[in-house]
Amino acid sequence: MNAEYGTISWYAFQEGPSSFAIFDTFDDEVGRDAHLNGKVAAALMEKVTAGNLFDTTPKIHKLVIIADKTPKQ
């Protein structure tokens, strides 16, 4: 995340016994697109192609935050 300009925060979480997800937040669409086309995404897709990390190809959902509560800085 520190190497990716525009990535504000990210959270990795477990949805089920063998189901995991990552939720990232970005400054804007430019930051999101940079992330999805950057080194981190490329490394992840290498693992998908190699077949040694995932049972299925990860799904990417572009969510829109409509409300939030974050600490004031």
N, C-alpha and C. Protein backbone atom coordinates (compact mmCIF):
# COMPACT_ATOMS: atom_id res chain seq x y z
N MET A 1 0.82 -1.19 0.00
CA MET A 1 0.00 0.00 0.00
C MET A 1 0.86 1.24 0.00
N ASN A 2 1.95 1.27 0.73
CA ASN A 2 2.78 2.46 0.80
C ASN A 2 3.38 2.83 -0.54
N ALA A 3 3.58 1.83 -1.40
CA ALA A 3 4.17 2.09 -2.70
C ALA A 3 3.12 2.49 -3.73
N GLU A 4 1.86 2.46 -3.36
CA GLU A 4 0.79 2.76 -4.30
C GLU A 4 0.13 4.09 -3.95
N TYR A 5 0.49 5.09 -4.71
CA TYR A 5 -0.12 6.40 -4.53
C TYR A 5 -1.62 6.30 -4.77
N GLY A 6 -2.39 6.90 -3.90
CA GLY A 6 -3.84 6.90 -4.07
C GLY A 6 -4.56 5.83 -3.27
N THR A 7 -3.84 4.84 -2.74
CA THR A 7 -4.48 3.84 -1.89
C THR A 7 -4.52 4.40 -0.47
N ILE A 8 -5.72 4.62 0.04
CA ILE A 8 -5.90 5.21 1.36
C ILE A 8 -5.77 4.16 2.46
N SER A 9 -6.48 3.06 2.30
CA SER A 9 -6.46 2.00 3.32
C SER A 9 -6.84 0.68 2.66
N TRP A 10 -6.52 -0.39 3.37
CA TRP A 10 -6.97 -1.71 2.91
C TRP A 10 -7.20 -2.60 4.12
N TYR A 11 -8.11 -3.55 3.94
CA TYR A 11 -8.49 -4.48 5.00
C TYR A 11 -8.56 -5.87 4.40
N ALA A 12 -7.92 -6.83 5.03
CA ALA A 12 -8.04 -8.23 4.64
C ALA A 12 -8.93 -8.90 5.69
N PHE A 13 -9.89 -9.68 5.23
CA PHE A 13 -10.79 -10.32 6.19
C PHE A 13 -11.22 -11.69 5.69
N GLN A 14 -11.68 -12.50 6.63
CA GLN A 14 -12.14 -13.86 6.33
C GLN A 14 -13.65 -13.86 6.32
N GLU A 15 -14.22 -14.36 5.22
CA GLU A 15 -15.68 -14.43 5.08
C GLU A 15 -16.24 -15.78 5.49
N GLY A 16 -15.43 -16.82 5.41
CA GLY A 16 -15.86 -18.17 5.74
C GLY A 16 -14.64 -19.03 5.97
N PRO A 17 -14.83 -20.34 6.17
CA PRO A 17 -13.72 -21.23 6.49
C PRO A 17 -12.57 -21.17 5.48
N SER A 18 -12.88 -21.00 4.20
CA SER A 18 -11.82 -20.93 3.19
C SER A 18 -12.10 -19.81 2.18
N SER A 19 -12.74 -18.77 2.65
CA SER A 19 -13.11 -17.64 1.80
C SER A 19 -12.58 -16.35 2.42
N PHE A 20 -11.77 -15.63 1.65
CA PHE A 20 -11.12 -14.43 2.14
C PHE A 20 -11.36 -13.27 1.18
N ALA A 21 -11.22 -12.06 1.67
CA ALA A 21 -11.43 -10.89 0.82
C ALA A 21 -10.51 -9.75 1.26
N ILE A 22 -10.32 -8.82 0.35
CA ILE A 22 -9.58 -7.60 0.64
C ILE A 22 -10.45 -6.44 0.21
N PHE A 23 -10.56 -5.44 1.07
CA PHE A 23 -11.31 -4.23 0.77
C PHE A 23 -10.34 -3.07 0.79
N ASP A 24 -10.19 -2.39 -0.35
CA ASP A 24 -9.27 -1.25 -0.47
C ASP A 24 -10.08 0.02 -0.64
N THR A 25 -9.52 1.13 -0.18
CA THR A 25 -10.13 2.44 -0.44
C THR A 25 -9.10 3.32 -1.13
N PHE A 26 -9.60 4.22 -1.97
CA PHE A 26 -8.74 5.03 -2.81
C PHE A 26 -9.16 6.49 -2.79
N ASP A 27 -8.21 7.37 -3.14
CA ASP A 27 -8.51 8.79 -3.26
C ASP A 27 -9.56 9.05 -4.33
N ASP A 28 -9.43 8.31 -5.45
CA ASP A 28 -10.29 8.55 -6.61
C ASP A 28 -10.17 7.38 -7.58
N GLU A 29 -10.86 7.48 -8.71
CA GLU A 29 -10.82 6.41 -9.71
C GLU A 29 -9.42 6.22 -10.28
N VAL A 30 -8.65 7.29 -10.37
CA VAL A 30 -7.29 7.19 -10.88
C VAL A 30 -6.46 6.29 -9.96
N GLY A 31 -6.60 6.47 -8.65
CA GLY A 31 -5.91 5.63 -7.68
C GLY A 31 -6.37 4.19 -7.75
N ARG A 32 -7.67 3.99 -7.90
CA ARG A 32 -8.21 2.63 -8.00
C ARG A 32 -7.68 1.93 -9.25
N ASP A 33 -7.72 2.63 -10.38
CA ASP A 33 -7.24 2.04 -11.62
C ASP A 33 -5.74 1.75 -11.56
N ALA A 34 -4.99 2.65 -10.93
CA ALA A 34 -3.54 2.43 -10.78
C ALA A 34 -3.29 1.17 -9.96
N HIS A 35 -4.07 0.97 -8.92
CA HIS A 35 -3.94 -0.23 -8.08
C HIS A 35 -4.28 -1.49 -8.87
N LEU A 36 -5.40 -1.47 -9.57
CA LEU A 36 -5.85 -2.65 -10.30
C LEU A 36 -4.94 -3.00 -11.48
N ASN A 37 -4.17 -2.03 -11.95
CA ASN A 37 -3.25 -2.26 -13.07
C ASN A 37 -1.79 -2.22 -12.63
N GLY A 38 -1.55 -2.23 -11.32
CA GLY A 38 -0.20 -2.08 -10.79
C GLY A 38 0.48 -3.39 -10.43
N LYS A 39 1.59 -3.25 -9.72
CA LYS A 39 2.45 -4.39 -9.38
C LYS A 39 1.77 -5.38 -8.45
N VAL A 40 0.98 -4.89 -7.50
CA VAL A 40 0.32 -5.79 -6.54
C VAL A 40 -0.68 -6.70 -7.27
N ALA A 41 -1.49 -6.09 -8.14
CA ALA A 41 -2.46 -6.89 -8.90
C ALA A 41 -1.76 -7.85 -9.84
N ALA A 42 -0.67 -7.42 -10.46
CA ALA A 42 0.08 -8.29 -11.37
C ALA A 42 0.65 -9.50 -10.62
N ALA A 43 1.18 -9.26 -9.43
CA ALA A 43 1.73 -10.37 -8.62
C ALA A 43 0.62 -11.34 -8.23
N LEU A 44 -0.53 -10.83 -7.88
CA LEU A 44 -1.67 -11.68 -7.52
C LEU A 44 -2.09 -12.54 -8.72
N MET A 45 -2.17 -11.92 -9.88
CA MET A 45 -2.58 -12.66 -11.07
C MET A 45 -1.55 -13.71 -11.47
N GLU A 46 -0.28 -13.48 -11.18
CA GLU A 46 0.75 -14.51 -11.42
C GLU A 46 0.46 -15.75 -10.58
N LYS A 47 0.04 -15.52 -9.33
CA LYS A 47 -0.32 -16.64 -8.45
C LYS A 47 -1.55 -17.38 -8.98
N VAL A 48 -2.50 -16.62 -9.51
CA VAL A 48 -3.70 -17.24 -10.08
C VAL A 48 -3.31 -18.11 -11.27
N THR A 49 -2.49 -17.57 -12.16
CA THR A 49 -2.06 -18.30 -13.35
C THR A 49 -1.26 -19.55 -12.99
N ALA A 50 -0.40 -19.44 -11.97
CA ALA A 50 0.42 -20.58 -11.56
C ALA A 50 -0.42 -21.68 -10.92
N GLY A 51 -1.60 -21.32 -10.42
CA GLY A 51 -2.49 -22.31 -9.83
C GLY A 51 -2.08 -22.79 -8.46
N ASN A 52 -1.22 -22.04 -7.77
CA ASN A 52 -0.76 -22.52 -6.47
C ASN A 52 -1.24 -21.69 -5.29
N LEU A 53 -2.26 -20.88 -5.48
CA LEU A 53 -2.74 -20.08 -4.36
C LEU A 53 -4.26 -20.11 -4.21
N PHE A 54 -4.99 -20.15 -5.33
CA PHE A 54 -6.45 -20.05 -5.29
C PHE A 54 -7.10 -21.26 -5.95
N ASP A 55 -8.28 -21.64 -5.45
CA ASP A 55 -9.08 -22.67 -6.11
C ASP A 55 -9.77 -22.11 -7.35
N THR A 56 -10.17 -20.85 -7.27
CA THR A 56 -10.84 -20.18 -8.39
C THR A 56 -10.23 -18.79 -8.58
N THR A 57 -10.47 -18.21 -9.72
CA THR A 57 -9.97 -16.87 -10.00
C THR A 57 -10.67 -15.87 -9.08
N PRO A 58 -9.91 -15.00 -8.41
CA PRO A 58 -10.53 -13.99 -7.55
C PRO A 58 -11.47 -13.09 -8.35
N LYS A 59 -12.53 -12.65 -7.69
CA LYS A 59 -13.50 -11.74 -8.30
C LYS A 59 -13.22 -10.33 -7.78
N ILE A 60 -13.23 -9.37 -8.66
CA ILE A 60 -13.02 -7.97 -8.28
C ILE A 60 -14.34 -7.24 -8.45
N HIS A 61 -14.81 -6.63 -7.37
CA HIS A 61 -16.04 -5.85 -7.38
C HIS A 61 -15.69 -4.40 -7.10
N LYS A 62 -16.08 -3.50 -7.98
CA LYS A 62 -15.85 -2.08 -7.76
C LYS A 62 -17.06 -1.52 -7.00
N LEU A 63 -16.89 -1.39 -5.70
CA LEU A 63 -17.96 -0.88 -4.84
C LEU A 63 -17.89 0.63 -4.77
N VAL A 64 -19.02 1.24 -4.45
CA VAL A 64 -19.09 2.68 -4.24
C VAL A 64 -19.52 2.90 -2.80
N ILE A 65 -18.73 3.62 -2.04
CA ILE A 65 -19.08 3.93 -0.65
C ILE A 65 -20.09 5.07 -0.68
N ILE A 66 -21.24 4.86 -0.07
CA ILE A 66 -22.27 5.90 -0.05
C ILE A 66 -22.35 6.61 1.30
N ALA A 67 -21.73 6.03 2.31
CA ALA A 67 -21.65 6.67 3.63
C ALA A 67 -20.49 6.07 4.38
N ASP A 68 -19.90 6.84 5.28
CA ASP A 68 -18.82 6.32 6.09
C ASP A 68 -18.70 7.10 7.39
N LYS A 69 -17.99 6.51 8.31
CA LYS A 69 -17.64 7.16 9.55
C LYS A 69 -16.16 6.88 9.77
N THR A 70 -15.36 7.88 9.69
CA THR A 70 -13.92 7.73 9.89
C THR A 70 -13.46 8.74 10.93
N PRO A 71 -12.38 8.42 11.64
CA PRO A 71 -11.88 9.35 12.63
C PRO A 71 -11.36 10.64 11.98
N LYS A 72 -11.55 11.74 12.66
CA LYS A 72 -11.03 13.02 12.19
C LYS A 72 -9.54 13.04 12.45
N GLN A 73 -8.78 13.60 11.52
CA GLN A 73 -7.33 13.68 11.71
C GLN A 73 -6.91 15.08 12.00
